[in-house]
């Protein structure tokens, strides 16, 4: 009889302990602390100065200042049109470790007529 009583008490204790452990609230997003937020993409427009195998440079005019910005092209980069020197391009890019990586490039040929 004592064996049955102790077995029942042990089973009840284990059941209550399991219910208590499962009923504790979890934090809202435990993995969010470990993940870094996705970087915001930026955009620039200008004339293409040079084109390499996995990079190109863009001449950007802002007010009276003229700057040259280098962009890297990776396997995730989408390019609409053909990268060629003298063409106008709009580049959506992200910065990673001080390097500008092109995400989406829209190229307008230098001789294209404006429809507007």
Protein backbone atom coordinates (compact mmCIF):
# COMPACT_ATOMS: atom_id res chain seq x y z
CA UNK A 1 0.00 0.00 0.00
CA UNK A 2 2.81 2.41 0.77
CA UNK A 3 4.40 1.60 -2.55
CA UNK A 4 1.18 2.54 -4.39
CA UNK A 5 0.85 5.74 -2.41
CA UNK A 6 4.42 6.84 -3.07
CA UNK A 7 4.06 5.89 -6.75
CA UNK A 8 0.85 7.94 -7.05
CA UNK A 9 2.43 10.90 -5.28
CA UNK A 10 5.52 10.72 -7.51
CA UNK A 11 3.33 10.55 -10.63
CA UNK A 12 1.23 13.52 -9.48
CA UNK A 13 4.37 15.50 -8.63
CA UNK A 14 5.83 14.75 -12.06
CA UNK A 15 2.56 15.72 -13.78
CA UNK A 16 2.30 19.01 -11.85
CA UNK A 17 5.94 19.81 -12.50
CA UNK A 18 5.47 19.17 -16.25
CA UNK A 19 2.37 21.37 -16.40
CA UNK A 20 4.15 24.14 -14.52
CA UNK A 21 7.15 23.99 -16.84
CA UNK A 22 5.00 24.13 -19.99
CA UNK A 23 2.82 26.96 -18.69
CA UNK A 24 5.63 29.47 -18.14
CA UNK A 25 5.43 32.30 -20.72
CA UNK A 26 8.09 32.42 -23.37
CA UNK A 27 9.77 35.67 -24.28
CA UNK A 28 8.22 37.45 -27.24
CA UNK A 29 11.08 36.84 -29.67
CA UNK A 30 14.08 35.05 -28.17
CA UNK A 31 15.86 34.73 -31.53
CA UNK A 32 15.46 38.42 -32.32
CA UNK A 33 18.30 39.33 -29.97
CA UNK A 34 20.73 37.14 -31.88
CA UNK A 35 19.71 38.37 -35.33
CA UNK A 36 20.95 41.64 -36.70
CA UNK A 37 18.44 43.91 -38.39
CA UNK A 38 18.51 43.88 -42.16
CA UNK A 39 20.39 46.88 -43.52
CA UNK A 40 18.39 49.45 -45.40
CA UNK A 41 19.11 49.75 -49.09
CA UNK A 42 20.16 53.09 -50.52
CA UNK A 43 19.91 54.43 -54.05
CA UNK A 44 22.10 56.55 -56.34
CA UNK A 45 21.89 57.66 -59.96
CA UNK A 46 24.61 58.80 -62.30
CA UNK A 47 26.80 58.05 -65.30
CA UNK A 48 28.82 54.84 -65.50
CA UNK A 49 32.56 55.63 -65.64
CA UNK A 50 34.07 52.13 -65.75
CA UNK A 51 32.94 48.52 -65.87
CA UNK A 52 34.95 45.54 -64.59
CA UNK A 53 34.28 41.84 -64.16
CA UNK A 54 32.52 42.11 -60.80
CA UNK A 55 32.41 45.86 -60.26
CA UNK A 56 31.60 49.19 -61.82
CA UNK A 57 31.96 52.84 -60.89
CA UNK A 58 29.35 55.55 -61.09
CA UNK A 59 29.85 59.31 -61.33
CA UNK A 60 27.29 60.95 -59.05
CA UNK A 61 26.49 64.65 -59.14
CA UNK A 62 24.96 66.16 -56.03
CA UNK A 63 24.53 69.94 -56.08
CA UNK A 64 27.92 71.16 -57.38
CA UNK A 65 29.87 68.15 -56.08
CA UNK A 66 30.90 65.29 -58.35
CA UNK A 67 31.79 61.99 -56.66
CA UNK A 68 32.85 58.60 -57.97
CA UNK A 69 31.28 55.62 -56.19
CA UNK A 70 32.44 52.01 -56.65
CA UNK A 71 29.90 49.17 -56.61
CA UNK A 72 30.50 45.43 -56.40
CA UNK A 73 28.31 43.01 -58.35
CA UNK A 74 27.55 39.61 -56.83
CA UNK A 75 25.35 36.67 -57.80
CA UNK A 76 22.31 38.27 -56.12
CA UNK A 77 22.56 41.51 -58.14
CA UNK A 78 19.86 42.03 -60.77
CA UNK A 79 20.76 44.21 -63.75
CA UNK A 80 18.18 45.63 -66.16
CA UNK A 81 20.00 46.63 -69.32
CA UNK A 82 23.71 46.37 -70.11
CA UNK A 83 26.42 47.99 -68.02
CA UNK A 84 28.42 50.14 -70.42
CA UNK A 85 30.62 53.20 -70.03
CA UNK A 86 28.70 56.43 -70.56
CA UNK A 87 25.28 54.95 -69.85
CA UNK A 88 23.07 56.36 -67.10
CA UNK A 89 22.31 54.00 -64.22
CA UNK A 90 20.20 53.96 -61.10
CA UNK A 91 21.68 51.67 -58.44
CA UNK A 92 19.99 50.32 -55.35
CA UNK A 93 22.74 49.11 -53.06
CA UNK A 94 23.62 48.02 -49.55
CA UNK A 95 26.80 48.73 -47.63
CA UNK A 96 28.66 45.78 -46.14
CA UNK A 97 31.97 46.23 -44.31
CA UNK A 98 32.66 49.52 -46.08
CA UNK A 99 31.90 48.16 -49.56
CA UNK A 100 28.89 49.07 -51.69
CA UNK A 101 27.20 45.96 -53.06
CA UNK A 102 24.70 46.55 -55.86
CA UNK A 103 21.33 44.91 -55.28
CA UNK A 104 19.41 46.20 -58.32
CA UNK A 105 20.74 48.19 -61.28
CA UNK A 106 18.64 49.88 -63.97
CA UNK A 107 20.72 51.00 -66.97
CA UNK A 108 19.56 53.53 -69.55
CA UNK A 109 21.76 53.73 -72.67
CA UNK A 110 23.54 57.05 -73.25
CA UNK A 111 21.80 57.57 -76.60
CA UNK A 112 18.27 56.79 -75.37
CA UNK A 113 15.61 59.35 -76.04
CA UNK A 114 13.46 60.57 -73.23
CA UNK A 115 9.74 59.82 -73.65
CA UNK A 116 8.68 62.61 -71.31
